[in-house]
Amino acid sequence: MKNEFLAHVESKHMKATPPQFDIGDLVDVHQRIVEGDKERIQVFSGTVIMRKGDGINANFTVRRIVNNEGVERVFPLHSPKIEKLEVKRKSRVRRAKLYFLRERTGKATRLKEGAAIVAPDAAAKATKAAEKKARKAASK
């Protein structure tokens, strides 16, 4: 059980709606980089191989291959420097940590395709249509 005082302090710094993604997903992480007085957005694309921690301590690791060299970055989930996280492709995996991808290269790093990505507004339309269908069936 977490200390109530710590939970109260942490809640102020957590994102209201953290990004929704799973292990094995191909994601684009848009991170704000400050260089002197300039600010820019840098995109890091790769596969999520790990999520760990909870609350304000939650973080995730993204791995990609650059010039035949594996590059991994660990991002805090609730960091204010992360502008947005886009899920490019969902994958179906049977592990919580995908460390086995570290030894693989090329086509061996491919993961099975998962469920289709549904845009938030499309999901809302689908639920509205299902509710309408249920009301119609109930009225008969």
Protein backbone atom coordinates (compact mmCIF):
# COMPACT_ATOMS: atom_id res chain seq x y z
CA MET A 1 0.00 0.00 0.00
CA LYS A 2 1.29 3.42 -0.97
CA ASN A 3 1.59 6.28 1.48
CA GLU A 4 -1.40 8.64 1.05
CA PHE A 5 0.81 11.72 1.16
CA LEU A 6 3.10 10.37 -1.59
CA ALA A 7 0.11 9.39 -3.71
CA HIS A 8 -1.34 12.90 -3.34
CA VAL A 9 1.93 14.60 -4.36
CA GLU A 10 2.49 12.20 -7.28
CA SER A 11 -1.04 12.64 -8.62
CA LYS A 12 -0.35 16.30 -9.42
CA HIS A 13 2.48 15.33 -11.78
CA MET A 14 0.83 12.40 -13.53
CA LYS A 15 -0.82 12.76 -16.94
CA ALA A 16 -4.60 12.81 -16.85
CA THR A 17 -4.80 10.42 -19.81
CA PRO A 18 -1.58 8.44 -20.26
CA PRO A 19 -1.01 7.01 -23.75
CA GLN A 20 -2.56 3.59 -24.41
CA PHE A 21 -0.15 1.03 -25.86
CA ASP A 22 1.05 -2.51 -25.19
CA ILE A 23 4.25 -4.53 -25.34
CA GLY A 24 5.23 -5.32 -28.93
CA ASP A 25 3.54 -2.28 -30.46
CA LEU A 26 5.41 -0.22 -33.04
CA VAL A 27 5.28 3.35 -31.72
CA ASP A 28 6.48 6.87 -32.52
CA VAL A 29 7.48 8.78 -29.38
CA HIS A 30 7.45 12.56 -29.94
CA GLN A 31 9.80 14.07 -27.36
CA ARG A 32 10.41 17.76 -26.74
CA ILE A 33 14.14 18.61 -26.87
CA VAL A 34 15.43 21.92 -25.49
CA GLU A 35 18.73 23.19 -26.92
CA GLY A 36 19.66 26.54 -25.44
CA ASP A 37 16.74 28.86 -26.08
CA LYS A 38 15.39 26.72 -28.96
CA GLU A 39 12.90 23.91 -28.65
CA ARG A 40 12.13 21.14 -31.13
CA ILE A 41 10.31 17.81 -31.36
CA GLN A 42 12.35 14.66 -31.94
CA VAL A 43 10.62 11.43 -32.98
CA PHE A 44 11.94 8.04 -31.84
CA SER A 45 10.29 5.12 -33.66
CA GLY A 46 10.58 1.54 -32.52
CA THR A 47 9.07 -1.47 -30.81
CA VAL A 48 8.03 -1.37 -27.17
CA ILE A 49 9.98 -4.20 -25.53
CA MET A 50 9.23 -3.45 -21.88
CA ARG A 51 6.93 -1.61 -19.48
CA LYS A 52 7.61 -1.48 -15.78
CA GLY A 53 6.71 0.43 -12.66
CA ASP A 54 3.44 2.04 -11.74
CA GLY A 55 2.18 5.47 -10.89
CA ILE A 56 4.69 8.24 -11.41
CA ASN A 57 7.52 5.68 -11.65
CA ALA A 58 6.10 3.94 -14.75
CA ASN A 59 8.43 3.79 -17.72
CA PHE A 60 8.75 1.94 -21.01
CA THR A 61 11.62 0.92 -23.29
CA VAL A 62 11.54 1.37 -27.07
CA ARG A 63 14.01 -0.48 -29.31
CA ARG A 64 14.95 0.08 -32.93
CA ILE A 65 17.79 -0.82 -35.28
CA VAL A 66 19.98 2.01 -36.64
CA ASN A 67 22.90 1.19 -38.98
CA ASN A 68 22.75 -2.50 -37.96
CA GLU A 69 23.10 -1.49 -34.31
CA GLY A 70 20.34 -1.90 -31.74
CA VAL A 71 19.33 1.31 -29.95
CA GLU A 72 17.10 1.31 -26.88
CA ARG A 73 15.68 4.30 -25.04
CA VAL A 74 13.81 4.33 -21.76
CA PHE A 75 11.03 6.91 -21.46
CA PRO A 76 9.16 7.88 -18.28
CA LEU A 77 5.46 7.40 -19.06
CA HIS A 78 4.31 10.57 -17.27
CA SER A 79 7.17 12.80 -18.46
CA PRO A 80 6.08 16.31 -19.48
CA LYS A 81 8.75 16.16 -22.23
CA ILE A 82 6.78 13.51 -24.14
CA GLU A 83 4.45 15.43 -26.45
CA LYS A 84 2.57 12.44 -27.80
CA LEU A 85 2.89 8.74 -28.48
CA GLU A 86 1.48 7.32 -31.71
CA VAL A 87 0.83 3.60 -32.11
CA LYS A 88 1.72 2.71 -35.70
CA ARG A 89 1.11 -1.04 -35.53
CA LYS A 90 -0.28 -3.42 -32.93
CA SER A 91 1.41 -6.78 -32.41
CA ARG A 92 0.31 -9.92 -30.64
CA VAL A 93 2.90 -11.19 -28.17
CA ARG A 94 2.92 -13.79 -25.41
CA ARG A 95 5.60 -12.26 -23.21
CA ALA A 96 5.70 -9.31 -20.84
CA LYS A 97 9.31 -8.45 -21.73
CA LEU A 98 10.62 -8.89 -25.27
CA TYR A 99 14.31 -9.19 -24.44
CA PHE A 100 14.67 -12.01 -26.99
CA LEU A 101 14.54 -9.35 -29.74
CA ARG A 102 18.00 -8.17 -28.67
CA GLU A 103 19.66 -11.25 -30.19
CA ARG A 104 17.67 -11.10 -33.42
CA THR A 105 18.27 -9.08 -36.56
CA GLY A 106 16.46 -8.50 -39.84
CA LYS A 107 13.25 -10.38 -40.53
CA ALA A 108 13.63 -12.41 -37.32
CA THR A 109 12.56 -9.33 -35.34
CA ARG A 110 9.07 -9.31 -36.90
CA LEU A 111 6.15 -9.90 -34.56
CA LYS A 112 2.70 -11.27 -35.38
CA GLU A 113 0.16 -8.69 -36.42
CA GLY A 114 -2.35 -7.86 -33.70
CA ALA A 115 -5.71 -6.13 -33.62
CA ALA A 116 -6.31 -3.24 -35.98
CA ILE A 117 -5.70 0.27 -34.67
CA VAL A 118 -8.99 2.07 -34.10
CA ALA A 119 -9.03 5.86 -34.00
CA PRO A 120 -10.75 7.31 -30.90
CA ASP A 121 -13.53 8.93 -32.93
CA ALA A 122 -14.13 5.70 -34.88
CA ALA A 123 -14.35 3.78 -31.61
CA ALA A 124 -16.93 6.27 -30.31
CA LYS A 125 -18.98 5.86 -33.50
CA ALA A 126 -18.86 2.07 -33.14
CA THR A 127 -20.09 2.20 -29.54
CA LYS A 128 -22.89 4.61 -30.49
CA ALA A 129 -23.95 2.29 -33.31
CA ALA A 130 -23.95 -0.69 -30.93
CA GLU A 131 -26.04 1.23 -28.38
CA LYS A 132 -28.50 2.25 -31.10
CA LYS A 133 -28.76 -1.37 -32.26
CA ALA A 134 -29.35 -2.55 -28.67
CA ARG A 135 -32.11 0.05 -28.12
CA LYS A 136 -33.76 -0.97 -31.38
CA ALA A 137 -33.67 -4.65 -30.39
CA ALA A 138 -35.05 -3.83 -26.91
CA SER A 139 -37.97 -1.84 -28.33
CA LYS A 140 -39.16 -4.78 -30.47
